[in-house]
Amino acid sequence: MNRAIVQRAFGGEPLDVLELVEKEKPKASAGHVVVKLTARSIIPYDFVCIRQADLECFRDQQPVTGIDGCGIVDEVGEGVTKYKIGDRVIPILLWKYLYGKGQGSWQDYIEVAEDDIIPCPETIPDEVAAQLLMTECALYGSFMDLEIPQGEWFLQTAANSNFGRQIIQLAKHRGIKTINIVRRDNVIEALKALGADEVINFTKEDVISKVKEITGGKGVYAAHDAIAGTLSKSVAACVRDGGTLFMVSELSGTDFMLNTMDLHRHLVIDYWDIATVFLADRRDKVIAEVVQLLKRNVITPLIRKKYHLIGFKEALKEAEMSGKSGRILLVG
């Protein structure tokens, strides 16, 4: 059988709407493989997806949740030539499977097309492979797409997240200075130890005036905002004329606040789409570069705790616990 965490209702809290059930194990059709998932990452965007109330296409399906994960090939369909049983792989699930079919990673087995999986490098353990696409590849792609010159300033919100912490390390490696927005003082020293140049607690300090002070009135070259809501207005105001602001998530909800004067300053404001990382002419290059950064410990994922599927409710509570850093994983 195939254990799966399904979503029974939409627009509610994860602990209320998710349930572990047993489903029939999928079979590998032509051109497809069945992957036995061994580790799954719980990322902030999982909670965004679960809490959405507008997924009408899944009302009768009770979709399986989860975006990121890794596993081994359990069955190979007719015509598959790239993979064999036992190969470690990482499935790409976000659009075609999670949104398109209601099939996410929080289950034992999943059927995916041969072209929708990538081989898992031998040097990458399951704990890292389970978050490689939606964290490491995402942070690398979104940061590199800003094309920030050496010595310039970059600003990010949610800096103490697993995503934000590795951005700090990547920026330091590339000679780019960072201003990091957090909500608690007790994470400041840890982020500076990672290489953060400046850390601002937005609950205590005026972000805009502080950034102006740090940058000598110029503002930052570019920024990431993972929060949205009212904080976006302050983030946009910190970006210099003609600079770029990428929305990389919406942890406070999908509303976004902006001062119209920032449009007059010709800011480039866009939602960075992770799909750009997996375009045919870019995917292999990004993954190879990210693997090298991991291998050399330039970026270091922080793993906090692992839970088995049956303990998913405790895992979800732990993942949303404030004041803690590191990724929560569902294993087994």
Protein backbone atom coordinates (compact mmCIF):
# COMPACT_ATOMS: atom_id res chain seq x y z
CA MET A 1 0.00 0.00 0.00
CA ASN A 2 0.90 3.65 -0.36
CA ARG A 3 0.63 5.84 2.73
CA ALA A 4 -0.24 9.40 1.77
CA ILE A 5 -0.99 12.67 3.56
CA VAL A 6 -4.10 13.99 1.81
CA GLN A 7 -5.89 17.30 2.10
CA ARG A 8 -9.56 16.87 3.05
CA ALA A 9 -10.59 20.54 2.87
CA PHE A 10 -9.28 23.85 1.55
CA GLY A 11 -8.56 27.17 3.19
CA GLY A 12 -8.12 25.71 6.68
CA GLU A 13 -5.22 25.06 9.02
CA PRO A 14 -2.90 22.16 8.09
CA LEU A 15 -3.48 20.26 11.33
CA ASP A 16 -7.22 20.37 10.72
CA VAL A 17 -7.37 19.49 7.02
CA LEU A 18 -4.58 16.94 6.52
CA GLU A 19 -4.94 13.22 7.15
CA LEU A 20 -2.71 10.17 6.69
CA VAL A 21 -4.49 7.50 4.62
CA GLU A 22 -3.61 4.36 2.71
CA LYS A 23 -3.97 4.46 -1.07
CA GLU A 24 -3.21 2.00 -3.82
CA LYS A 25 0.42 1.90 -4.88
CA PRO A 26 0.86 3.44 -8.37
CA LYS A 27 2.18 1.42 -11.30
CA ALA A 28 4.76 2.61 -13.82
CA SER A 29 3.16 3.30 -17.19
CA ALA A 30 5.16 3.64 -20.42
CA GLY A 31 7.82 6.34 -20.17
CA HIS A 32 7.33 6.64 -16.40
CA VAL A 33 8.92 5.37 -13.21
CA VAL A 34 7.57 4.83 -9.72
CA VAL A 35 9.71 6.52 -7.09
CA LYS A 36 9.75 5.27 -3.49
CA LEU A 37 10.20 8.45 -1.52
CA THR A 38 12.68 8.24 1.35
CA ALA A 39 12.78 11.87 2.55
CA ARG A 40 10.54 14.89 2.11
CA SER A 41 11.24 18.49 3.07
CA ILE A 42 8.65 20.65 4.83
CA ILE A 43 9.15 24.15 3.45
CA PRO A 44 7.23 27.38 4.25
CA TYR A 45 5.55 27.36 0.84
CA ASP A 46 3.90 24.03 1.72
CA PHE A 47 1.83 25.90 4.31
CA VAL A 48 0.95 28.59 1.76
CA CYS A 49 -0.36 25.91 -0.61
CA ILE A 50 -2.34 24.07 2.07
CA ARG A 51 -4.02 27.25 3.29
CA GLN A 52 -5.15 28.35 -0.17
CA ALA A 53 -8.91 28.20 -0.58
CA ASP A 54 -9.15 28.41 -4.37
CA LEU A 55 -7.99 24.97 -5.55
CA GLU A 56 -11.42 23.98 -6.87
CA CYS A 57 -9.94 21.49 -9.35
CA PHE A 58 -8.92 19.25 -6.43
CA ARG A 59 -12.19 19.31 -4.49
CA ASP A 60 -13.02 15.71 -5.43
CA GLN A 61 -9.46 14.39 -5.47
CA GLN A 62 -8.22 15.00 -1.93
CA PRO A 63 -4.73 15.83 -3.20
CA VAL A 64 -1.50 14.61 -1.66
CA THR A 65 0.49 17.56 -0.38
CA GLY A 66 4.24 18.26 -0.40
CA ILE A 67 6.53 19.90 -2.94
CA ASP A 68 10.03 18.59 -2.33
CA GLY A 69 11.52 15.14 -1.78
CA CYS A 70 13.87 12.41 -2.95
CA GLY A 71 13.86 8.64 -3.19
CA ILE A 72 14.82 5.58 -5.20
CA VAL A 73 13.39 4.15 -8.41
CA ASP A 74 11.08 1.30 -7.39
CA GLU A 75 9.61 0.37 -10.79
CA VAL A 76 10.44 1.23 -14.40
CA GLY A 77 7.85 1.50 -17.17
CA GLU A 78 8.20 0.43 -20.78
CA GLY A 79 10.54 2.58 -22.83
CA VAL A 80 12.44 4.13 -19.89
CA THR A 81 16.15 4.27 -20.70
CA LYS A 82 17.69 6.80 -18.31
CA TYR A 83 16.98 5.08 -14.98
CA LYS A 84 16.94 1.64 -13.44
CA ILE A 85 15.50 0.18 -10.25
CA GLY A 86 17.49 1.31 -7.22
CA ASP A 87 18.72 4.63 -8.67
CA ARG A 88 18.54 7.57 -6.25
CA VAL A 89 16.51 10.36 -7.82
CA ILE A 90 14.80 13.68 -7.15
CA PRO A 91 11.36 14.21 -8.72
CA ILE A 92 10.27 17.65 -9.98
CA LEU A 93 6.70 17.87 -8.71
CA LEU A 94 5.59 21.47 -8.24
CA TRP A 95 3.62 22.24 -11.40
CA LYS A 96 2.80 19.14 -13.41
CA TYR A 97 2.15 16.83 -10.45
CA LEU A 98 1.24 18.84 -7.33
CA TYR A 99 -0.85 21.46 -9.14
CA GLY A 100 -1.69 19.47 -12.24
CA LYS A 101 -2.63 16.12 -10.68
CA GLY A 102 -2.83 16.70 -6.95
CA GLN A 103 0.17 14.42 -6.45
CA GLY A 104 2.78 15.75 -4.04
CA SER A 105 5.74 14.27 -2.18
CA TRP A 106 4.15 13.48 1.19
CA GLN A 107 3.49 9.85 0.35
CA ASP A 108 5.41 6.58 0.00
CA TYR A 109 5.27 6.21 -3.78
CA ILE A 110 4.68 8.48 -6.76
CA GLU A 111 4.64 7.86 -10.52
CA VAL A 112 6.50 10.45 -12.59
CA ALA A 113 7.66 10.74 -16.17
CA GLU A 114 11.27 9.84 -16.89
CA ASP A 115 11.99 13.43 -17.92
CA ASP A 116 10.60 14.82 -14.66
CA ILE A 117 13.25 13.35 -12.39
CA ILE A 118 16.92 14.11 -11.97
CA PRO A 119 19.65 11.79 -10.68
CA CYS A 120 20.67 12.40 -7.08
CA PRO A 121 24.42 13.06 -6.81
CA GLU A 122 26.27 10.50 -4.69
CA THR A 123 27.78 13.27 -2.57
CA ILE A 124 24.36 14.57 -1.51
CA PRO A 125 22.65 12.74 1.40
CA ASP A 126 18.88 12.26 1.43
CA GLU A 127 18.42 15.03 4.01
CA VAL A 128 19.86 17.57 1.57
CA ALA A 129 18.53 16.01 -1.62
CA ALA A 130 15.00 16.27 -0.20
CA GLN A 131 15.23 20.07 -0.30
CA LEU A 132 17.68 20.56 -3.16
CA LEU A 133 15.18 21.84 -5.74
CA MET A 134 12.92 24.17 -3.80
CA THR A 135 15.59 25.54 -1.47
CA GLU A 136 19.16 25.32 -2.79
CA CYS A 137 18.36 25.56 -6.51
CA ALA A 138 15.73 28.23 -5.81
CA LEU A 139 17.98 30.43 -3.69
CA TYR A 140 20.83 30.07 -6.15
CA GLY A 141 18.70 30.86 -9.21
CA SER A 142 16.85 33.78 -7.66
CA PHE A 143 20.03 35.35 -6.31
CA MET A 144 22.06 34.90 -9.49
CA ASP A 145 19.25 36.31 -11.64
CA LEU A 146 19.63 39.64 -9.84
CA GLU A 147 23.15 39.97 -11.33
CA ILE A 148 24.46 41.98 -8.36
CA PRO A 149 27.99 43.37 -8.87
CA GLN A 150 30.68 42.62 -6.31
CA GLY A 151 30.73 45.10 -3.44
CA GLU A 152 27.08 46.13 -3.83
CA TRP A 153 24.34 45.81 -1.22
CA PHE A 154 21.57 43.18 -1.25
CA LEU A 155 18.60 43.10 1.14
CA GLN A 156 16.41 40.15 2.13
CA THR A 157 13.50 39.44 4.46
CA ALA A 158 13.02 36.16 6.38
CA ALA A 159 16.79 36.08 6.68
CA ASN A 160 16.82 33.44 9.42
CA SER A 161 15.03 30.89 7.24
CA ASN A 162 16.98 27.99 5.74
CA PHE A 163 16.69 29.83 2.40
CA GLY A 164 17.87 33.15 3.86
CA ARG A 165 20.78 31.69 5.79
CA GLN A 166 22.23 30.10 2.66
CA ILE A 167 21.71 33.33 0.70
CA ILE A 168 23.96 35.01 3.27
CA GLN A 169 26.64 32.40 2.66
CA LEU A 170 26.33 32.61 -1.12
CA ALA A 171 26.49 36.41 -1.10
CA LYS A 172 29.58 36.37 1.12
CA HIS A 173 31.21 33.90 -1.25
CA ARG A 174 30.53 36.22 -4.19
CA GLY A 175 31.69 39.41 -2.46
CA ILE A 176 28.22 40.95 -2.09
CA LYS A 177 27.18 42.76 1.10
CA THR A 178 23.91 41.80 2.76
CA ILE A 179 21.29 43.55 4.86
CA ASN A 180 19.09 40.98 6.54
CA ILE A 181 15.63 41.61 7.96
CA VAL A 182 14.48 39.53 10.94
CA ARG A 183 11.87 39.79 13.70
CA ARG A 184 13.90 38.58 16.71
CA ASP A 185 17.13 39.79 18.30
CA ASN A 186 18.21 36.31 19.34
CA VAL A 187 19.09 35.30 15.76
CA ILE A 188 21.29 38.30 14.96
CA GLU A 189 24.60 36.92 16.20
CA ALA A 190 24.07 33.57 14.46
CA LEU A 191 23.44 35.31 11.12
CA LYS A 192 26.52 37.50 11.54
CA ALA A 193 28.55 34.37 12.25
CA LEU A 194 27.36 33.04 8.86
CA GLY A 195 28.63 36.18 7.14
CA ALA A 196 25.75 38.68 7.35
CA ASP A 197 27.05 42.25 7.15
CA GLU A 198 24.00 43.91 8.72
CA VAL A 199 20.94 42.53 10.49
CA ILE A 200 17.85 44.63 11.24
CA ASN A 201 15.01 43.66 13.58
CA PHE A 202 12.05 45.27 11.78
CA THR A 203 9.89 45.11 14.93
CA LYS A 204 12.27 47.49 16.70
CA GLU A 205 13.96 49.61 14.02
CA ASP A 206 12.80 51.72 11.10
CA VAL A 207 14.00 49.62 8.18
CA ILE A 208 14.00 52.41 5.59
CA SER A 209 16.03 54.90 7.62
CA LYS A 210 18.44 52.20 8.80
CA VAL A 211 19.10 51.00 5.23
CA LYS A 212 19.69 54.58 4.10
CA GLU A 213 22.21 54.98 6.90
CA ILE A 214 24.00 51.72 6.04
CA THR A 215 24.18 52.44 2.30
CA GLY A 216 25.05 56.12 2.57
CA GLY A 217 21.66 57.12 1.20
CA LYS A 218 21.98 55.10 -2.02
CA GLY A 219 19.71 52.19 -1.14
CA VAL A 220 20.38 48.57 -2.02
CA TYR A 221 21.11 47.32 -5.51
CA ALA A 222 18.49 44.56 -5.28
CA ALA A 223 16.29 42.72 -2.80
CA HIS A 224 14.39 39.53 -2.04
CA ASP A 225 11.09 39.66 -0.18
CA ALA A 226 9.68 36.39 1.14
CA ILE A 227 7.05 37.94 3.42
CA ALA A 228 4.79 40.21 1.29
CA GLY A 229 2.05 42.18 3.08
CA THR A 230 2.91 45.55 4.60
CA LEU A 231 6.64 44.78 4.90
CA SER A 232 6.96 44.83 1.10
CA LYS A 233 6.38 48.57 1.13
CA SER A 234 9.45 49.11 3.31
CA VAL A 235 11.54 46.66 1.26
CA ALA A 236 10.69 48.42 -2.03
CA ALA A 237 11.55 51.80 -0.50
CA CYS A 238 15.03 50.48 0.34
CA VAL A 239 15.86 49.60 -3.28
CA ARG A 240 17.63 52.33 -5.26
CA ASP A 241 16.14 53.91 -8.39
CA GLY A 242 16.02 51.37 -11.20
CA GLY A 243 16.87 48.48 -8.86
CA THR A 244 15.18 45.10 -8.69
CA LEU A 245 12.90 43.53 -6.10
CA PHE A 246 12.09 39.84 -6.42
CA MET A 247 9.17 38.40 -4.48
CA VAL A 248 10.33 34.88 -3.65
CA SER A 249 7.44 33.82 -1.40
CA GLU A 250 4.40 35.22 0.42
CA LEU A 251 4.64 33.96 3.98
CA SER A 252 2.20 36.55 5.36
CA GLY A 253 -0.35 36.07 2.56
CA THR A 254 -0.76 37.02 -1.07
CA ASP A 255 -1.49 40.74 -0.53
CA PHE A 256 1.38 43.05 -1.42
CA MET A 257 1.69 46.71 -0.38
CA LEU A 258 3.60 49.27 -2.45
CA ASN A 259 3.98 53.05 -2.53
CA THR A 260 3.15 54.32 -6.03
CA MET A 261 6.18 56.64 -5.87
CA ASP A 262 8.36 53.54 -6.10
CA LEU A 263 6.87 52.90 -9.54
CA HIS A 264 7.96 56.39 -10.55
CA ARG A 265 11.49 55.38 -9.56
CA HIS A 266 11.38 52.64 -12.20
CA LEU A 267 11.87 49.75 -9.83
CA VAL A 268 11.70 46.32 -11.40
CA ILE A 269 9.26 44.41 -9.19
CA ASP A 270 8.59 40.81 -10.13
CA TYR A 271 7.63 37.45 -8.65
CA TRP A 272 10.65 35.26 -9.28
CA ASP A 273 9.48 32.00 -10.85
CA ILE A 274 11.41 28.88 -9.91
CA ALA A 275 10.30 27.37 -13.23
CA THR A 276 13.12 29.36 -14.85
CA VAL A 277 15.65 27.14 -13.04
CA PHE A 278 14.24 24.02 -14.66
CA LEU A 279 14.19 25.17 -18.25
CA ALA A 280 15.90 22.61 -20.47
CA ASP A 281 18.86 24.85 -21.25
CA ARG A 282 19.50 25.75 -17.60
CA ARG A 283 18.55 22.91 -15.29
CA ASP A 284 21.69 20.77 -15.49
CA LYS A 285 23.99 23.77 -15.14
CA VAL A 286 22.22 25.12 -12.05
CA ILE A 287 22.11 21.73 -10.34
CA ALA A 288 25.80 21.10 -11.07
CA GLU A 289 26.77 24.50 -9.66
CA VAL A 290 24.63 24.04 -6.56
CA VAL A 291 26.09 20.58 -5.93
CA GLN A 292 29.59 22.05 -6.08
CA LEU A 293 28.66 24.79 -3.61
CA LEU A 294 27.30 22.14 -1.24
CA LYS A 295 30.32 19.91 -1.72
CA ARG A 296 32.68 22.78 -0.86
CA ASN A 297 30.51 23.85 2.10
CA VAL A 298 30.01 27.30 0.60
CA ILE A 299 26.33 26.86 1.41
CA THR A 300 25.32 24.58 4.29
CA PRO A 301 21.70 23.49 4.77
CA LEU A 302 20.61 23.35 8.37
CA ILE A 303 18.62 20.22 9.28
CA ARG A 304 16.66 20.54 12.54
CA LYS A 305 14.64 17.38 13.01
CA LYS A 306 13.27 14.31 11.21
CA TYR A 307 9.87 12.68 11.64
CA HIS A 308 8.25 9.62 10.10
CA LEU A 309 5.14 10.08 7.97
CA ILE A 310 2.94 8.83 10.76
CA GLY A 311 4.20 11.70 12.92
CA PHE A 312 3.44 14.40 10.36
CA LYS A 313 1.30 16.48 12.72
CA GLU A 314 4.15 16.86 15.19
CA ALA A 315 6.44 17.66 12.27
CA LEU A 316 4.10 20.43 11.09
CA LYS A 317 3.93 21.92 14.58
CA GLU A 318 7.72 21.89 14.79
CA ALA A 319 8.10 23.42 11.32
CA GLU A 320 5.95 26.43 12.24
CA MET A 321 7.47 26.93 15.67
CA SER A 322 8.84 30.46 15.88
CA GLY A 323 12.34 31.18 17.07
CA LYS A 324 13.91 28.04 15.61
CA SER A 325 16.02 27.50 12.50
CA GLY A 326 16.61 24.49 10.30
CA ARG A 327 14.60 22.26 7.99
CA ILE A 328 12.07 19.69 9.21
CA LEU A 329 11.96 16.44 7.23
CA LEU A 330 9.46 13.62 6.81
CA VAL A 331 11.36 10.36 6.33
CA GLY A 332 10.65 6.67 5.78
